[in-house]
Amino acid sequence: MSIIELKFRIWIEKDGEFLMGKGGAEILKAIKKHGSISKASKELEMSYRYVWGYIKKMEEKLGKRIVETKRGGEKGGESSLTELAEKLLEVYEEAEKAFERKIEELRDSIKF
């Protein structure tokens, strides 16, 4: 028996260039949750260097900061999302939910 599935991917572009997809949304969400790039990278099982690089690439494309960082002492540093990053994450998550709802509706129509 064959299984037919309907799938989708969402990403955000700036001036026609990729800016952020699911991985970027997960990075922003984890930084928001933990207040730390290091803790976010551990939760996501990504290297700190990869997460830091992803953030820097986004900031270069946007020409604005998306993560504010404070150097740490004994307890480590702090990281928080800027208003722009919060908005990007919100828009991405809203689009993802809207697509998921529509995909669920359409899945029923391809069953045979």
C-alpha atoms as a PDB file:
ATOM      1  CA  MET A   1       0.000   0.000   0.000  1.00  0.00           C
ATOM      2  CA  SER A   2       1.313   3.427  -0.945  1.00  0.00           C
ATOM      3  CA  ILE A   3       1.219   6.366   1.393  1.00  0.00           C
ATOM      4  CA  ILE A   4       0.744   9.832  -0.046  1.00  0.00           C
ATOM      5  CA  GLU A   5       1.657  12.705   2.218  1.00  0.00           C
ATOM      6  CA  LEU A   6       1.374  16.451   1.912  1.00  0.00           C
ATOM      7  CA  LYS A   7       4.403  18.318   3.314  1.00  0.00           C
ATOM      8  CA  PHE A   8       5.525  21.925   3.564  1.00  0.00           C
ATOM      9  CA  ARG A   9       8.495  24.056   4.574  1.00  0.00           C
ATOM     10  CA  ILE A  10       8.445  27.652   5.680  1.00  0.00           C
ATOM     11  CA  TRP A  11      11.273  30.123   5.615  1.00  0.00           C
ATOM     12  CA  ILE A  12      11.716  33.871   5.782  1.00  0.00           C
ATOM     13  CA  GLU A  13      13.670  35.746   3.116  1.00  0.00           C
ATOM     14  CA  LYS A  14      15.074  39.251   2.973  1.00  0.00           C
ATOM     15  CA  ASP A  15      15.546  40.774  -0.475  1.00  0.00           C
ATOM     16  CA  GLY A  16      15.115  37.330  -2.041  1.00  0.00           C
ATOM     17  CA  GLU A  17      17.778  35.679   0.127  1.00  0.00           C
ATOM     18  CA  PHE A  18      17.196  33.044   2.780  1.00  0.00           C
ATOM     19  CA  LEU A  19      17.144  34.542   6.271  1.00  0.00           C
ATOM     20  CA  MET A  20      15.603  31.995   8.610  1.00  0.00           C
ATOM     21  CA  GLY A  21      13.904  28.622   8.537  1.00  0.00           C
ATOM     22  CA  LYS A  22      12.842  26.046  11.088  1.00  0.00           C
ATOM     23  CA  GLY A  23      16.370  25.710  12.494  1.00  0.00           C
ATOM     24  CA  GLY A  24      16.650  29.454  12.993  1.00  0.00           C
ATOM     25  CA  ALA A  25      13.262  29.574  14.699  1.00  0.00           C
ATOM     26  CA  GLU A  26      14.363  26.756  17.019  1.00  0.00           C
ATOM     27  CA  ILE A  27      17.566  28.654  17.836  1.00  0.00           C
ATOM     28  CA  LEU A  28      15.668  31.855  18.678  1.00  0.00           C
ATOM     29  CA  LYS A  29      13.108  29.936  20.732  1.00  0.00           C
ATOM     30  CA  ALA A  30      15.831  28.157  22.731  1.00  0.00           C
ATOM     31  CA  ILE A  31      17.726  31.406  23.389  1.00  0.00           C
ATOM     32  CA  LYS A  32      14.482  33.000  24.569  1.00  0.00           C
ATOM     33  CA  LYS A  33      13.781  30.016  26.831  1.00  0.00           C
ATOM     34  CA  HIS A  34      17.250  29.735  28.383  1.00  0.00           C
ATOM     35  CA  GLY A  35      18.591  33.290  28.182  1.00  0.00           C
ATOM     36  CA  SER A  36      21.860  31.767  26.999  1.00  0.00           C
ATOM     37  CA  ILE A  37      23.359  30.875  23.639  1.00  0.00           C
ATOM     38  CA  SER A  38      25.410  28.143  25.287  1.00  0.00           C
ATOM     39  CA  LYS A  39      22.397  26.511  26.938  1.00  0.00           C
ATOM     40  CA  ALA A  40      20.359  26.890  23.746  1.00  0.00           C
ATOM     41  CA  SER A  41      23.048  25.150  21.698  1.00  0.00           C
ATOM     42  CA  LYS A  42      23.217  22.295  24.219  1.00  0.00           C
ATOM     43  CA  GLU A  43      19.442  21.804  24.180  1.00  0.00           C
ATOM     44  CA  LEU A  44      19.419  21.757  20.378  1.00  0.00           C
ATOM     45  CA  GLU A  45      22.499  19.524  20.208  1.00  0.00           C
ATOM     46  CA  MET A  46      24.220  22.072  17.979  1.00  0.00           C
ATOM     47  CA  SER A  47      27.690  23.455  18.488  1.00  0.00           C
ATOM     48  CA  TYR A  48      27.982  26.873  20.103  1.00  0.00           C
ATOM     49  CA  ARG A  49      29.989  27.967  17.067  1.00  0.00           C
ATOM     50  CA  TYR A  50      27.190  26.933  14.675  1.00  0.00           C
ATOM     51  CA  VAL A  51      24.506  28.770  16.686  1.00  0.00           C
ATOM     52  CA  TRP A  52      26.690  31.866  17.030  1.00  0.00           C
ATOM     53  CA  GLY A  53      27.417  31.789  13.285  1.00  0.00           C
ATOM     54  CA  TYR A  54      23.717  31.434  12.409  1.00  0.00           C
ATOM     55  CA  ILE A  55      22.898  34.465  14.555  1.00  0.00           C
ATOM     56  CA  LYS A  56      25.733  36.509  13.032  1.00  0.00           C
ATOM     57  CA  LYS A  57      24.647  35.640   9.461  1.00  0.00           C
ATOM     58  CA  MET A  58      21.101  36.759  10.247  1.00  0.00           C
ATOM     59  CA  GLU A  59      22.368  39.985  11.799  1.00  0.00           C
ATOM     60  CA  GLU A  60      24.562  40.707   8.761  1.00  0.00           C
ATOM     61  CA  LYS A  61      21.649  40.204   6.366  1.00  0.00           C
ATOM     62  CA  LEU A  62      19.318  42.328   8.488  1.00  0.00           C
ATOM     63  CA  GLY A  63      21.861  45.004   9.348  1.00  0.00           C
ATOM     64  CA  LYS A  64      20.522  44.852  12.908  1.00  0.00           C
ATOM     65  CA  ARG A  65      21.101  42.888  16.081  1.00  0.00           C
ATOM     66  CA  ILE A  66      18.758  40.021  16.878  1.00  0.00           C
ATOM     67  CA  VAL A  67      20.422  38.828  20.083  1.00  0.00           C
ATOM     68  CA  GLU A  68      21.718  41.039  22.872  1.00  0.00           C
ATOM     69  CA  THR A  69      24.523  39.472  24.880  1.00  0.00           C
ATOM     70  CA  LYS A  70      26.151  40.317  28.188  1.00  0.00           C
ATOM     71  CA  ARG A  71      29.466  38.803  29.104  1.00  0.00           C
ATOM     72  CA  GLY A  72      29.327  36.540  32.101  1.00  0.00           C
ATOM     73  CA  GLY A  73      31.287  36.122  35.224  1.00  0.00           C
ATOM     74  CA  GLU A  74      30.959  33.156  37.539  1.00  0.00           C
ATOM     75  CA  LYS A  75      27.480  32.251  36.312  1.00  0.00           C
ATOM     76  CA  GLY A  76      28.146  32.848  32.616  1.00  0.00           C
ATOM     77  CA  GLY A  77      26.690  35.400  30.230  1.00  0.00           C
ATOM     78  CA  GLU A  78      23.153  36.340  29.393  1.00  0.00           C
ATOM     79  CA  SER A  79      21.487  36.499  26.011  1.00  0.00           C
ATOM     80  CA  SER A  80      18.110  37.882  25.047  1.00  0.00           C
ATOM     81  CA  LEU A  81      16.212  38.394  21.823  1.00  0.00           C
ATOM     82  CA  THR A  82      15.781  41.874  20.437  1.00  0.00           C
ATOM     83  CA  GLU A  83      12.339  43.148  19.490  1.00  0.00           C
ATOM     84  CA  LEU A  84      13.137  42.324  15.857  1.00  0.00           C
ATOM     85  CA  ALA A  85      14.012  38.707  16.705  1.00  0.00           C
ATOM     86  CA  GLU A  86      10.843  38.377  18.782  1.00  0.00           C
ATOM     87  CA  LYS A  87       8.800  39.597  15.796  1.00  0.00           C
ATOM     88  CA  LEU A  88      10.559  37.254  13.343  1.00  0.00           C
ATOM     89  CA  LEU A  89       9.923  34.314  15.661  1.00  0.00           C
ATOM     90  CA  GLU A  90       6.281  35.312  16.155  1.00  0.00           C
ATOM     91  CA  VAL A  91       5.654  35.637  12.404  1.00  0.00           C
ATOM     92  CA  TYR A  92       7.395  32.322  11.683  1.00  0.00           C
ATOM     93  CA  GLU A  93       5.400  30.470  14.356  1.00  0.00           C
ATOM     94  CA  GLU A  94       2.084  32.009  13.225  1.00  0.00           C
ATOM     95  CA  ALA A  95       2.784  31.030   9.607  1.00  0.00           C
ATOM     96  CA  GLU A  96       3.753  27.512  10.662  1.00  0.00           C
ATOM     97  CA  LYS A  97       0.539  27.062  12.652  1.00  0.00           C
ATOM     98  CA  ALA A  98      -1.588  28.403   9.791  1.00  0.00           C
ATOM     99  CA  PHE A  99       0.061  26.045   7.305  1.00  0.00           C
ATOM    100  CA  GLU A 100      -0.285  23.080   9.677  1.00  0.00           C
ATOM    101  CA  ARG A 101      -4.032  23.735   9.995  1.00  0.00           C
ATOM    102  CA  LYS A 102      -4.466  23.979   6.226  1.00  0.00           C
ATOM    103  CA  ILE A 103      -2.359  20.864   5.588  1.00  0.00           C
ATOM    104  CA  GLU A 104      -4.543  18.896   8.018  1.00  0.00           C
ATOM    105  CA  GLU A 105      -7.641  20.005   6.098  1.00  0.00           C
ATOM    106  CA  LEU A 106      -6.103  19.036   2.758  1.00  0.00           C
ATOM    107  CA  ARG A 107      -4.775  15.669   3.951  1.00  0.00           C
ATOM    108  CA  ASP A 108      -8.297  14.341   4.232  1.00  0.00           C
ATOM    109  CA  SER A 109      -8.945  15.188   0.583  1.00  0.00           C
ATOM    110  CA  ILE A 110      -6.048  13.048  -0.724  1.00  0.00           C
ATOM    111  CA  LYS A 111      -7.034   9.826   1.016  1.00  0.00           C
ATOM    112  CA  PHE A 112      -8.209   7.174  -1.403  1.00  0.00           C
END
